[in-house]
N, C-alpha and C. Protein backbone atom coordinates (compact mmCIF):
# COMPACT_ATOMS: atom_id res chain seq x y z
N UNK A 1 8.92 -15.14 113.38
CA UNK A 1 8.84 -13.75 112.96
C UNK A 1 9.31 -13.62 111.51
N UNK A 2 8.47 -13.03 110.66
CA UNK A 2 8.84 -12.88 109.25
C UNK A 2 9.83 -11.73 109.09
N UNK A 3 10.85 -11.98 108.31
CA UNK A 3 11.90 -10.97 108.13
C UNK A 3 11.63 -10.13 106.88
N UNK A 4 11.70 -8.82 107.04
CA UNK A 4 11.57 -7.89 105.91
C UNK A 4 12.91 -7.77 105.20
N UNK A 5 12.91 -8.08 103.90
CA UNK A 5 14.14 -8.03 103.10
C UNK A 5 14.27 -6.64 102.47
N UNK A 6 15.40 -6.00 102.74
CA UNK A 6 15.55 -4.57 102.43
C UNK A 6 16.66 -4.34 101.41
N UNK A 7 16.36 -3.49 100.44
CA UNK A 7 17.39 -2.92 99.56
C UNK A 7 17.75 -1.56 100.11
N UNK A 8 19.05 -1.30 100.28
CA UNK A 8 19.53 -0.04 100.82
C UNK A 8 20.34 0.68 99.75
N UNK A 9 19.89 1.88 99.36
CA UNK A 9 20.55 2.62 98.29
C UNK A 9 21.01 3.99 98.77
N UNK A 10 22.32 4.21 98.71
CA UNK A 10 22.92 5.50 99.05
C UNK A 10 24.28 5.55 98.36
N UNK A 11 24.66 6.72 97.84
CA UNK A 11 25.90 6.78 97.08
C UNK A 11 27.14 6.90 97.96
N UNK A 12 26.97 6.96 99.28
CA UNK A 12 28.12 7.02 100.19
C UNK A 12 28.24 5.68 100.93
N UNK A 13 29.33 4.99 100.72
CA UNK A 13 29.50 3.66 101.31
C UNK A 13 29.46 3.69 102.83
N UNK A 14 30.03 4.74 103.44
CA UNK A 14 30.04 4.82 104.90
C UNK A 14 28.63 5.02 105.45
N UNK A 15 27.83 5.79 104.73
CA UNK A 15 26.44 5.98 105.15
C UNK A 15 25.68 4.66 105.06
N UNK A 16 25.89 3.94 103.96
CA UNK A 16 25.23 2.63 103.81
C UNK A 16 25.63 1.70 104.95
N UNK A 17 26.92 1.73 105.28
CA UNK A 17 27.40 0.86 106.35
C UNK A 17 26.71 1.18 107.67
N UNK A 18 26.60 2.46 107.98
CA UNK A 18 25.95 2.86 109.22
C UNK A 18 24.48 2.49 109.25
N UNK A 19 23.79 2.73 108.13
CA UNK A 19 22.37 2.40 108.07
C UNK A 19 22.16 0.90 108.13
N UNK A 20 23.06 0.16 107.48
CA UNK A 20 22.94 -1.30 107.51
C UNK A 20 23.08 -1.82 108.94
N UNK A 21 23.98 -1.26 109.71
CA UNK A 21 24.16 -1.68 111.10
C UNK A 21 22.88 -1.44 111.90
N UNK A 22 22.23 -0.30 111.65
CA UNK A 22 20.97 0.01 112.35
C UNK A 22 19.91 -1.03 112.00
N UNK A 23 19.77 -1.32 110.71
CA UNK A 23 18.70 -2.22 110.26
C UNK A 23 18.99 -3.68 110.63
N UNK A 24 20.22 -4.13 110.41
CA UNK A 24 20.54 -5.54 110.66
C UNK A 24 20.56 -5.88 112.15
N UNK A 25 20.55 -4.86 113.01
CA UNK A 25 20.52 -5.13 114.45
C UNK A 25 19.15 -5.58 114.92
N UNK A 26 18.14 -5.44 114.05
CA UNK A 26 16.78 -5.82 114.41
C UNK A 26 16.46 -7.22 113.87
N UNK A 27 15.82 -8.07 114.66
CA UNK A 27 15.57 -9.45 114.23
C UNK A 27 14.61 -9.59 113.06
N UNK A 28 13.76 -8.58 112.84
CA UNK A 28 12.76 -8.67 111.78
C UNK A 28 13.15 -7.90 110.52
N UNK A 29 14.38 -7.32 110.50
CA UNK A 29 14.83 -6.55 109.35
C UNK A 29 16.18 -7.08 108.87
N UNK A 30 16.34 -7.19 107.55
CA UNK A 30 17.61 -7.67 107.01
C UNK A 30 17.91 -6.99 105.68
N UNK A 31 19.08 -6.36 105.58
CA UNK A 31 19.51 -5.77 104.32
C UNK A 31 20.04 -6.91 103.44
N UNK A 32 19.38 -7.15 102.31
CA UNK A 32 19.77 -8.25 101.42
C UNK A 32 20.44 -7.73 100.14
N UNK A 33 20.40 -6.41 99.93
CA UNK A 33 21.04 -5.84 98.73
C UNK A 33 21.39 -4.39 98.99
N UNK A 34 22.45 -3.91 98.33
CA UNK A 34 22.85 -2.50 98.42
C UNK A 34 23.01 -1.95 97.02
N UNK A 35 22.86 -0.63 96.91
CA UNK A 35 23.05 0.05 95.62
C UNK A 35 23.69 1.40 95.88
N UNK A 36 24.52 1.86 94.92
CA UNK A 36 25.21 3.13 95.06
C UNK A 36 24.54 4.26 94.29
N UNK A 37 23.50 3.93 93.51
CA UNK A 37 22.73 4.96 92.81
C UNK A 37 21.35 4.40 92.48
N UNK A 38 20.50 5.28 91.95
CA UNK A 38 19.12 4.88 91.69
C UNK A 38 19.00 3.80 90.64
N UNK A 39 19.85 3.85 89.61
CA UNK A 39 19.79 2.85 88.55
C UNK A 39 20.11 1.46 89.09
N UNK A 40 21.13 1.38 89.96
CA UNK A 40 21.46 0.10 90.58
C UNK A 40 20.31 -0.38 91.45
N UNK A 41 19.65 0.54 92.14
CA UNK A 41 18.52 0.17 93.00
C UNK A 41 17.40 -0.45 92.17
N UNK A 42 17.07 0.19 91.06
CA UNK A 42 16.00 -0.33 90.19
C UNK A 42 16.39 -1.70 89.66
N UNK A 43 17.64 -1.86 89.24
CA UNK A 43 18.10 -3.15 88.71
C UNK A 43 18.03 -4.23 89.77
N UNK A 44 18.38 -3.88 91.01
CA UNK A 44 18.35 -4.85 92.11
C UNK A 44 16.94 -5.33 92.39
N UNK A 45 15.98 -4.41 92.31
CA UNK A 45 14.60 -4.76 92.63
C UNK A 45 13.89 -5.38 91.42
N UNK A 46 14.10 -4.81 90.24
CA UNK A 46 13.29 -5.15 89.07
C UNK A 46 14.05 -5.85 87.95
N UNK A 47 15.38 -5.85 88.02
CA UNK A 47 16.17 -6.34 86.89
C UNK A 47 16.09 -7.83 86.68
N UNK A 48 16.57 -8.26 85.54
CA UNK A 48 16.50 -9.66 85.18
C UNK A 48 17.27 -10.55 86.13
N UNK A 49 18.30 -10.00 86.77
CA UNK A 49 19.09 -10.83 87.67
C UNK A 49 18.52 -10.91 89.07
N UNK A 50 17.48 -10.14 89.34
CA UNK A 50 16.92 -10.13 90.69
C UNK A 50 16.08 -11.38 90.93
N UNK A 51 16.17 -11.90 92.14
CA UNK A 51 15.34 -13.03 92.52
C UNK A 51 13.90 -12.55 92.64
N UNK A 52 12.93 -13.25 92.04
CA UNK A 52 11.54 -12.81 92.14
C UNK A 52 11.11 -12.72 93.61
N UNK A 53 10.55 -11.57 93.98
CA UNK A 53 10.12 -11.39 95.36
C UNK A 53 11.27 -11.29 96.33
N UNK A 54 12.47 -10.97 95.84
CA UNK A 54 13.65 -10.97 96.70
C UNK A 54 13.76 -9.77 97.61
N UNK A 55 13.03 -8.70 97.32
CA UNK A 55 13.08 -7.48 98.13
C UNK A 55 11.66 -7.07 98.51
N UNK A 56 11.46 -6.77 99.79
CA UNK A 56 10.15 -6.33 100.28
C UNK A 56 10.07 -4.81 100.41
N UNK A 57 11.23 -4.20 100.68
CA UNK A 57 11.27 -2.78 101.02
C UNK A 57 12.53 -2.15 100.45
N UNK A 58 12.37 -1.00 99.78
CA UNK A 58 13.52 -0.25 99.26
C UNK A 58 13.69 1.03 100.08
N UNK A 59 14.87 1.22 100.63
CA UNK A 59 15.22 2.44 101.36
C UNK A 59 16.15 3.23 100.46
N UNK A 60 15.67 4.37 99.95
CA UNK A 60 16.37 5.11 98.90
C UNK A 60 16.77 6.50 99.36
N UNK A 61 18.04 6.84 99.17
CA UNK A 61 18.47 8.22 99.39
C UNK A 61 17.90 9.09 98.27
N UNK A 62 17.40 10.26 98.60
CA UNK A 62 16.80 11.12 97.58
C UNK A 62 17.84 11.59 96.57
N UNK A 63 19.01 12.02 97.02
CA UNK A 63 20.01 12.62 96.13
C UNK A 63 21.10 11.61 95.82
N UNK A 64 21.03 11.01 94.63
CA UNK A 64 22.06 10.07 94.18
C UNK A 64 22.42 10.37 92.74
N UNK A 65 23.64 10.03 92.31
CA UNK A 65 24.04 10.25 90.92
C UNK A 65 23.36 9.26 89.98
N UNK A 66 23.46 9.58 88.68
CA UNK A 66 22.97 8.71 87.61
C UNK A 66 21.46 8.64 87.57
N UNK A 67 20.83 8.24 88.65
CA UNK A 67 19.38 8.27 88.77
C UNK A 67 19.07 8.58 90.23
N UNK A 68 18.28 9.62 90.49
CA UNK A 68 18.00 10.01 91.87
C UNK A 68 17.08 8.99 92.54
N UNK A 69 16.97 9.13 93.86
CA UNK A 69 16.07 8.26 94.60
C UNK A 69 14.63 8.46 94.18
N UNK A 70 14.26 9.69 93.86
CA UNK A 70 12.89 9.96 93.41
C UNK A 70 12.60 9.27 92.08
N UNK A 71 13.55 9.35 91.15
CA UNK A 71 13.37 8.67 89.86
C UNK A 71 13.31 7.16 90.06
N UNK A 72 14.16 6.65 90.93
CA UNK A 72 14.16 5.21 91.20
C UNK A 72 12.84 4.78 91.84
N UNK A 73 12.33 5.61 92.76
CA UNK A 73 11.06 5.28 93.42
C UNK A 73 9.92 5.18 92.41
N UNK A 74 9.89 6.12 91.46
CA UNK A 74 8.84 6.10 90.43
C UNK A 74 8.93 4.83 89.59
N UNK A 75 10.16 4.45 89.24
CA UNK A 75 10.34 3.26 88.40
C UNK A 75 10.01 1.98 89.16
N UNK A 76 10.43 1.91 90.42
CA UNK A 76 10.11 0.73 91.24
C UNK A 76 8.61 0.63 91.47
N UNK A 77 7.95 1.76 91.74
CA UNK A 77 6.50 1.75 91.93
C UNK A 77 5.78 1.25 90.69
N UNK A 78 6.32 1.59 89.52
CA UNK A 78 5.68 1.17 88.27
C UNK A 78 5.92 -0.31 87.98
N UNK A 79 7.16 -0.75 88.19
CA UNK A 79 7.54 -2.10 87.79
C UNK A 79 7.38 -3.15 88.89
N UNK A 80 7.41 -2.73 90.14
CA UNK A 80 7.28 -3.67 91.26
C UNK A 80 6.42 -3.03 92.34
N UNK A 81 5.12 -2.84 92.08
CA UNK A 81 4.26 -2.10 93.01
C UNK A 81 4.11 -2.75 94.38
N UNK A 82 4.48 -4.02 94.49
CA UNK A 82 4.37 -4.70 95.79
C UNK A 82 5.50 -4.30 96.74
N UNK A 83 6.57 -3.70 96.20
CA UNK A 83 7.71 -3.30 97.02
C UNK A 83 7.42 -1.96 97.68
N UNK A 84 7.53 -1.91 98.99
CA UNK A 84 7.34 -0.65 99.72
C UNK A 84 8.59 0.21 99.60
N UNK A 85 8.40 1.52 99.75
CA UNK A 85 9.52 2.45 99.54
C UNK A 85 9.58 3.47 100.68
N UNK A 86 10.79 3.70 101.17
CA UNK A 86 11.05 4.77 102.14
C UNK A 86 12.15 5.65 101.57
N UNK A 87 11.95 6.95 101.65
CA UNK A 87 12.95 7.90 101.16
C UNK A 87 13.78 8.42 102.33
N UNK A 88 15.07 8.50 102.10
CA UNK A 88 16.01 9.09 103.06
C UNK A 88 16.46 10.45 102.53
N UNK A 89 16.55 11.43 103.41
CA UNK A 89 16.95 12.75 102.94
C UNK A 89 17.69 13.51 104.02
N UNK A 90 18.64 14.33 103.59
CA UNK A 90 19.31 15.26 104.50
C UNK A 90 18.45 16.50 104.71
N UNK A 91 17.41 16.66 103.87
CA UNK A 91 16.72 17.95 103.80
C UNK A 91 15.31 17.90 104.36
N UNK A 92 15.04 18.77 105.31
CA UNK A 92 13.68 18.97 105.81
C UNK A 92 13.03 19.98 104.87
N UNK A 93 12.64 19.48 103.71
CA UNK A 93 12.20 20.33 102.61
C UNK A 93 10.85 19.87 102.11
N UNK A 94 9.85 20.78 102.10
CA UNK A 94 8.50 20.40 101.71
C UNK A 94 8.43 19.87 100.29
N UNK A 95 9.18 20.48 99.38
CA UNK A 95 9.10 20.06 97.98
C UNK A 95 9.60 18.62 97.82
N UNK A 96 10.74 18.32 98.47
CA UNK A 96 11.25 16.94 98.43
C UNK A 96 10.22 15.98 99.03
N UNK A 97 9.63 16.40 100.14
CA UNK A 97 8.65 15.55 100.81
C UNK A 97 7.47 15.22 99.90
N UNK A 98 6.89 16.24 99.26
CA UNK A 98 5.75 16.00 98.39
C UNK A 98 6.14 15.21 97.14
N UNK A 99 7.33 15.46 96.61
CA UNK A 99 7.80 14.67 95.47
C UNK A 99 7.97 13.21 95.86
N UNK A 100 8.43 12.97 97.09
CA UNK A 100 8.58 11.59 97.57
C UNK A 100 7.23 10.88 97.62
N UNK A 101 6.21 11.57 98.12
CA UNK A 101 4.87 10.97 98.17
C UNK A 101 4.36 10.67 96.77
N UNK A 102 4.55 11.62 95.86
CA UNK A 102 4.09 11.43 94.48
C UNK A 102 4.84 10.29 93.79
N UNK A 103 6.05 10.03 94.23
CA UNK A 103 6.87 8.98 93.63
C UNK A 103 6.50 7.59 94.14
N UNK A 104 5.64 7.53 95.13
CA UNK A 104 5.20 6.23 95.64
C UNK A 104 5.76 5.85 97.00
N UNK A 105 6.51 6.75 97.63
CA UNK A 105 7.07 6.43 98.95
C UNK A 105 6.00 6.48 100.03
N UNK A 106 6.12 5.60 101.01
CA UNK A 106 5.18 5.63 102.14
C UNK A 106 5.84 6.17 103.40
N UNK A 107 7.12 6.52 103.30
CA UNK A 107 7.79 7.09 104.45
C UNK A 107 8.87 8.06 104.02
N UNK A 108 9.16 9.04 104.87
CA UNK A 108 10.18 10.06 104.59
C UNK A 108 10.97 10.24 105.87
N UNK A 109 12.23 9.84 105.85
CA UNK A 109 13.06 9.84 107.06
C UNK A 109 14.24 10.79 106.86
N UNK A 110 14.45 11.67 107.82
CA UNK A 110 15.61 12.55 107.78
C UNK A 110 16.84 11.79 108.26
N UNK A 111 17.94 11.93 107.52
CA UNK A 111 19.16 11.21 107.89
C UNK A 111 19.64 11.60 109.29
N UNK A 112 19.40 12.84 109.67
CA UNK A 112 19.84 13.29 110.99
C UNK A 112 19.14 12.56 112.12
N UNK A 113 18.00 11.95 111.82
CA UNK A 113 17.24 11.23 112.85
C UNK A 113 17.07 9.76 112.50
N UNK A 114 17.89 9.26 111.56
CA UNK A 114 17.71 7.89 111.08
C UNK A 114 17.87 6.86 112.18
N UNK A 115 18.78 7.12 113.14
CA UNK A 115 18.98 6.13 114.19
C UNK A 115 17.73 5.96 115.05
N UNK A 116 16.88 7.00 115.15
CA UNK A 116 15.63 6.87 115.90
C UNK A 116 14.46 6.46 115.01
N UNK A 117 14.43 6.94 113.78
CA UNK A 117 13.22 6.84 112.96
C UNK A 117 13.22 5.72 111.93
N UNK A 118 14.38 5.29 111.47
CA UNK A 118 14.41 4.39 110.31
C UNK A 118 13.74 3.05 110.60
N UNK A 119 14.01 2.46 111.74
CA UNK A 119 13.41 1.16 112.07
C UNK A 119 11.90 1.28 112.16
N UNK A 120 11.43 2.32 112.84
CA UNK A 120 9.98 2.54 112.95
C UNK A 120 9.36 2.74 111.57
N UNK A 121 10.05 3.49 110.71
CA UNK A 121 9.53 3.75 109.37
C UNK A 121 9.42 2.46 108.55
N UNK A 122 10.43 1.60 108.66
CA UNK A 122 10.41 0.32 107.93
C UNK A 122 9.23 -0.53 108.37
N UNK A 123 9.04 -0.63 109.66
CA UNK A 123 7.94 -1.46 110.16
C UNK A 123 6.59 -0.88 109.79
N UNK A 124 6.47 0.45 109.85
CA UNK A 124 5.21 1.09 109.46
C UNK A 124 4.91 0.82 107.98
N UNK A 125 5.93 0.94 107.14
CA UNK A 125 5.74 0.71 105.70
C UNK A 125 5.23 -0.69 105.44
N UNK A 126 5.77 -1.68 106.14
CA UNK A 126 5.36 -3.06 105.92
C UNK A 126 3.97 -3.34 106.47
N UNK A 127 3.50 -2.48 107.38
CA UNK A 127 2.11 -2.59 107.85
C UNK A 127 1.14 -1.84 106.94
N UNK A 128 1.68 -1.18 105.91
CA UNK A 128 0.85 -0.38 105.03
C UNK A 128 0.50 0.97 105.62
N UNK A 129 1.32 1.44 106.56
CA UNK A 129 1.07 2.71 107.22
C UNK A 129 2.14 3.73 106.82
N UNK A 130 1.81 5.01 106.83
CA UNK A 130 2.81 6.03 106.51
C UNK A 130 3.72 6.31 107.69
N UNK A 131 4.92 6.80 107.41
CA UNK A 131 5.77 7.34 108.46
C UNK A 131 6.12 8.77 108.08
N UNK A 132 5.62 9.71 108.85
CA UNK A 132 5.84 11.12 108.57
C UNK A 132 6.37 11.79 109.82
N UNK A 133 7.52 12.42 109.71
CA UNK A 133 8.04 13.15 110.86
C UNK A 133 7.16 14.40 111.06
N UNK A 134 7.16 15.02 112.26
CA UNK A 134 6.20 16.10 112.56
C UNK A 134 6.17 17.23 111.55
N UNK A 135 7.33 17.66 111.06
CA UNK A 135 7.37 18.74 110.08
C UNK A 135 6.67 18.37 108.78
N UNK A 136 6.77 17.09 108.40
CA UNK A 136 6.12 16.63 107.17
C UNK A 136 4.61 16.64 107.32
N UNK A 137 4.11 16.22 108.47
CA UNK A 137 2.66 16.23 108.68
C UNK A 137 2.13 17.66 108.65
N UNK A 138 2.88 18.60 109.21
CA UNK A 138 2.48 20.01 109.15
C UNK A 138 2.39 20.48 107.71
N UNK A 139 3.37 20.10 106.89
CA UNK A 139 3.37 20.48 105.47
C UNK A 139 2.18 19.87 104.74
N UNK A 140 1.86 18.63 105.06
CA UNK A 140 0.75 17.94 104.41
C UNK A 140 -0.57 18.65 104.72
N UNK A 141 -0.76 19.00 105.97
CA UNK A 141 -1.98 19.68 106.37
C UNK A 141 -2.06 21.06 105.73
N UNK A 142 -0.93 21.79 105.73
CA UNK A 142 -0.91 23.12 105.14
C UNK A 142 -1.27 23.07 103.65
N UNK A 143 -0.78 22.06 102.96
CA UNK A 143 -1.06 21.91 101.54
C UNK A 143 -2.56 21.74 101.28
N UNK A 144 -3.19 20.89 102.06
CA UNK A 144 -4.61 20.64 101.83
C UNK A 144 -5.49 21.80 102.28
N UNK A 145 -5.06 22.49 103.31
CA UNK A 145 -5.81 23.69 103.70
C UNK A 145 -5.74 24.74 102.60
N UNK A 146 -4.58 24.88 101.98
CA UNK A 146 -4.43 25.83 100.88
C UNK A 146 -5.32 25.45 99.69
N UNK A 147 -5.38 24.16 99.39
CA UNK A 147 -6.25 23.71 98.30
C UNK A 147 -7.71 24.04 98.59
N UNK A 148 -8.11 23.86 99.84
CA UNK A 148 -9.49 24.16 100.21
C UNK A 148 -9.77 25.65 100.07
N UNK A 149 -8.83 26.49 100.51
CA UNK A 149 -9.01 27.94 100.41
C UNK A 149 -9.11 28.38 98.95
N UNK A 150 -8.43 27.65 98.07
CA UNK A 150 -8.45 27.99 96.65
C UNK A 150 -9.72 27.49 95.95
N UNK A 151 -10.59 26.86 96.73
CA UNK A 151 -11.89 26.48 96.18
C UNK A 151 -11.95 25.11 95.54
N UNK A 152 -10.91 24.28 95.76
CA UNK A 152 -10.99 22.93 95.21
C UNK A 152 -12.10 22.17 95.91
N UNK A 153 -12.91 21.50 95.13
CA UNK A 153 -14.08 20.82 95.68
C UNK A 153 -13.65 19.59 96.48
N UNK A 154 -14.13 19.51 97.70
CA UNK A 154 -13.84 18.34 98.52
C UNK A 154 -14.81 17.21 98.13
N UNK A 155 -14.35 15.96 98.24
CA UNK A 155 -15.22 14.87 97.81
C UNK A 155 -16.43 14.70 98.72
N UNK A 156 -17.58 14.39 98.11
CA UNK A 156 -18.75 14.03 98.90
C UNK A 156 -18.49 12.68 99.55
N UNK A 157 -18.96 12.52 100.77
CA UNK A 157 -18.71 11.26 101.46
C UNK A 157 -19.61 10.17 100.92
N UNK A 158 -19.01 9.03 100.62
CA UNK A 158 -19.80 7.87 100.23
C UNK A 158 -19.71 6.81 101.33
N UNK A 159 -19.21 7.23 102.48
CA UNK A 159 -19.01 6.30 103.58
C UNK A 159 -20.20 6.32 104.53
N UNK A 160 -20.42 5.20 105.20
CA UNK A 160 -21.43 5.15 106.25
C UNK A 160 -20.89 5.88 107.48
N UNK A 161 -21.76 6.27 108.42
CA UNK A 161 -21.29 6.92 109.64
C UNK A 161 -20.25 6.09 110.39
N UNK A 162 -20.44 4.76 110.44
CA UNK A 162 -19.47 3.91 111.11
C UNK A 162 -18.12 3.93 110.39
N UNK A 163 -18.16 3.89 109.06
CA UNK A 163 -16.92 3.94 108.29
C UNK A 163 -16.21 5.27 108.50
N UNK A 164 -16.96 6.35 108.61
CA UNK A 164 -16.34 7.65 108.88
C UNK A 164 -15.66 7.65 110.25
N UNK A 165 -16.29 6.98 111.23
CA UNK A 165 -15.66 6.87 112.55
C UNK A 165 -14.32 6.14 112.45
N UNK A 166 -14.30 5.07 111.66
CA UNK A 166 -13.07 4.29 111.50
C UNK A 166 -12.00 5.12 110.82
N UNK A 167 -12.37 5.85 109.76
CA UNK A 167 -11.41 6.71 109.06
C UNK A 167 -10.84 7.74 110.01
N UNK A 168 -11.70 8.36 110.80
CA UNK A 168 -11.26 9.38 111.75
C UNK A 168 -10.22 8.81 112.72
N UNK A 169 -10.50 7.64 113.25
CA UNK A 169 -9.59 7.03 114.22
C UNK A 169 -8.27 6.60 113.56
N UNK A 170 -8.35 6.12 112.32
CA UNK A 170 -7.13 5.77 111.59
C UNK A 170 -6.28 7.02 111.39
N UNK A 171 -6.91 8.10 110.94
CA UNK A 171 -6.19 9.35 110.67
C UNK A 171 -5.56 9.93 111.93
N UNK A 172 -6.16 9.65 113.07
CA UNK A 172 -5.62 10.13 114.34
C UNK A 172 -4.49 9.25 114.86
N UNK A 173 -4.16 8.20 114.10
CA UNK A 173 -3.00 7.38 114.44
C UNK A 173 -3.28 6.19 115.32
N UNK A 174 -4.55 5.83 115.49
CA UNK A 174 -4.89 4.68 116.32
C UNK A 174 -4.59 3.37 115.61
N UNK A 175 -4.16 2.37 116.36
CA UNK A 175 -3.92 1.04 115.81
C UNK A 175 -5.27 0.33 115.62
N UNK A 176 -5.23 -0.78 114.90
CA UNK A 176 -6.45 -1.57 114.70
C UNK A 176 -7.04 -2.00 116.03
N UNK A 177 -6.20 -2.44 116.94
CA UNK A 177 -6.68 -2.88 118.26
C UNK A 177 -7.32 -1.72 119.03
N UNK A 178 -6.69 -0.55 118.97
CA UNK A 178 -7.24 0.62 119.67
C UNK A 178 -8.58 1.04 119.08
N UNK A 179 -8.70 0.96 117.75
CA UNK A 179 -9.98 1.30 117.11
C UNK A 179 -11.06 0.32 117.56
N UNK A 180 -10.71 -0.96 117.60
CA UNK A 180 -11.68 -1.98 118.02
C UNK A 180 -12.16 -1.71 119.45
N UNK A 181 -11.23 -1.37 120.33
CA UNK A 181 -11.60 -1.10 121.73
C UNK A 181 -12.45 0.16 121.85
N UNK A 182 -12.12 1.19 121.07
CA UNK A 182 -12.87 2.45 121.13
C UNK A 182 -14.31 2.28 120.65
N UNK A 183 -14.48 1.50 119.58
CA UNK A 183 -15.80 1.34 118.97
C UNK A 183 -16.54 0.09 119.48
N UNK A 184 -15.90 -0.66 120.37
CA UNK A 184 -16.50 -1.88 120.93
C UNK A 184 -16.87 -2.88 119.83
N UNK A 185 -15.93 -3.08 118.91
CA UNK A 185 -16.11 -4.06 117.85
C UNK A 185 -14.84 -4.91 117.79
N UNK A 186 -14.87 -5.98 117.03
CA UNK A 186 -13.72 -6.87 116.96
C UNK A 186 -12.65 -6.31 116.00
N UNK A 187 -11.43 -6.79 116.18
CA UNK A 187 -10.34 -6.42 115.29
C UNK A 187 -10.68 -6.83 113.86
N UNK A 188 -11.30 -7.99 113.72
CA UNK A 188 -11.68 -8.49 112.38
C UNK A 188 -12.67 -7.54 111.71
N UNK A 189 -13.60 -7.00 112.50
CA UNK A 189 -14.58 -6.06 111.96
C UNK A 189 -13.91 -4.76 111.53
N UNK A 190 -12.93 -4.29 112.31
CA UNK A 190 -12.18 -3.09 111.92
C UNK A 190 -11.47 -3.33 110.59
N UNK A 191 -10.84 -4.49 110.46
CA UNK A 191 -10.15 -4.81 109.20
C UNK A 191 -11.12 -4.83 108.03
N UNK A 192 -12.30 -5.37 108.25
CA UNK A 192 -13.31 -5.41 107.17
C UNK A 192 -13.76 -4.01 106.80
N UNK A 193 -14.01 -3.17 107.81
CA UNK A 193 -14.38 -1.78 107.55
C UNK A 193 -13.29 -1.07 106.74
N UNK A 194 -12.03 -1.27 107.14
CA UNK A 194 -10.92 -0.60 106.44
C UNK A 194 -10.85 -1.05 104.99
N UNK A 195 -11.01 -2.35 104.75
CA UNK A 195 -10.98 -2.86 103.37
C UNK A 195 -12.11 -2.26 102.54
N UNK A 196 -13.30 -2.18 103.13
CA UNK A 196 -14.45 -1.59 102.42
C UNK A 196 -14.21 -0.12 102.12
N UNK A 197 -13.63 0.60 103.09
CA UNK A 197 -13.37 2.04 102.92
C UNK A 197 -12.38 2.27 101.79
N UNK A 198 -11.27 1.51 101.81
CA UNK A 198 -10.26 1.65 100.77
C UNK A 198 -10.84 1.36 99.39
N UNK A 199 -11.69 0.33 99.32
CA UNK A 199 -12.31 -0.03 98.04
C UNK A 199 -13.25 1.08 97.56
N UNK A 200 -14.06 1.61 98.46
CA UNK A 200 -15.01 2.67 98.10
C UNK A 200 -14.30 3.93 97.60
N UNK A 201 -13.21 4.28 98.28
CA UNK A 201 -12.51 5.53 97.97
C UNK A 201 -11.43 5.36 96.91
N UNK A 202 -11.18 4.11 96.52
CA UNK A 202 -10.13 3.86 95.53
C UNK A 202 -8.75 4.18 96.06
N UNK A 203 -8.52 3.91 97.34
CA UNK A 203 -7.25 4.25 97.99
C UNK A 203 -6.53 2.98 98.39
N UNK A 204 -5.24 3.16 98.80
CA UNK A 204 -4.39 2.00 99.06
C UNK A 204 -3.98 1.84 100.52
N UNK A 205 -3.82 2.95 101.25
CA UNK A 205 -3.19 2.81 102.56
C UNK A 205 -3.61 3.92 103.51
N UNK A 206 -3.03 3.89 104.71
CA UNK A 206 -3.37 4.85 105.76
C UNK A 206 -3.05 6.29 105.37
N UNK A 207 -1.97 6.48 104.64
CA UNK A 207 -1.59 7.84 104.25
C UNK A 207 -2.68 8.48 103.41
N UNK A 208 -3.20 7.76 102.44
CA UNK A 208 -4.26 8.31 101.60
C UNK A 208 -5.54 8.53 102.41
N UNK A 209 -5.82 7.64 103.37
CA UNK A 209 -6.98 7.83 104.24
C UNK A 209 -6.81 9.08 105.11
N UNK A 210 -5.57 9.33 105.58
CA UNK A 210 -5.33 10.52 106.38
C UNK A 210 -5.56 11.78 105.56
N UNK A 211 -5.12 11.77 104.30
CA UNK A 211 -5.37 12.92 103.43
C UNK A 211 -6.87 13.13 103.25
N UNK A 212 -7.59 12.03 103.01
CA UNK A 212 -9.04 12.12 102.81
C UNK A 212 -9.71 12.70 104.06
N UNK A 213 -9.30 12.20 105.24
CA UNK A 213 -9.91 12.65 106.49
C UNK A 213 -9.73 14.14 106.70
N UNK A 214 -8.53 14.65 106.35
CA UNK A 214 -8.27 16.08 106.50
C UNK A 214 -9.17 16.88 105.55
N UNK A 215 -9.22 16.44 104.30
CA UNK A 215 -10.01 17.17 103.28
C UNK A 215 -11.51 17.10 103.55
N UNK A 216 -11.95 15.95 104.11
CA UNK A 216 -13.38 15.77 104.36
C UNK A 216 -13.80 16.34 105.70
N UNK A 217 -12.87 16.89 106.48
CA UNK A 217 -13.22 17.50 107.76
C UNK A 217 -13.47 16.52 108.87
N UNK A 218 -12.98 15.29 108.73
CA UNK A 218 -13.20 14.29 109.78
C UNK A 218 -12.23 14.44 110.94
N UNK A 219 -11.08 15.07 110.67
CA UNK A 219 -10.12 15.35 111.73
C UNK A 219 -9.74 16.82 111.67
N UNK A 220 -9.43 17.37 112.83
CA UNK A 220 -9.03 18.77 112.90
C UNK A 220 -7.52 18.87 112.73
N UNK A 221 -7.05 19.75 111.85
CA UNK A 221 -5.60 19.94 111.69
C UNK A 221 -5.00 20.59 112.94
């Protein structure tokens, strides 16, 4: 089993200790570095003293001194795009959530639910999938519905009917295996369809495909 190497950044040592216990209790997750602010997090991931490829995933608190988690996420996304990012927050706040997405995060976890959600979010991020708690998904849908009402042009589909089926099933949260079983095709074929779809749409992951599916009317909000 391949171990995901995690940087954990939070300005409260007791919080870091608690989160580290949650993560290190899992055989496939290991905290290999800690930071007390965003600047330390960036240095740990991107700095000259960092081991190349030493961190796979950065778990960043949104509110930190010196450099916030959002600022750190933007810098890490720019300098080390291969590193996945999850934001931690005390706040169920739409603005923070959307800023986290814009900063390059693929997951948004509320600290109040970290003991249930953090492990799942880490694993989803490493699979290239988003982790969004229910309130965040509601906000995401509301945002795109508002854009549509304001007359923003939705993209014309350049996908084949089969590719649209795959996008729809991805957006509905189905795994690759479940999609293969539903469409009576192989897992390898699903992977090929997904790669072709991402290339056609210029997208990177499931989160962007979910946004596209909502805007293109492939899934009902």
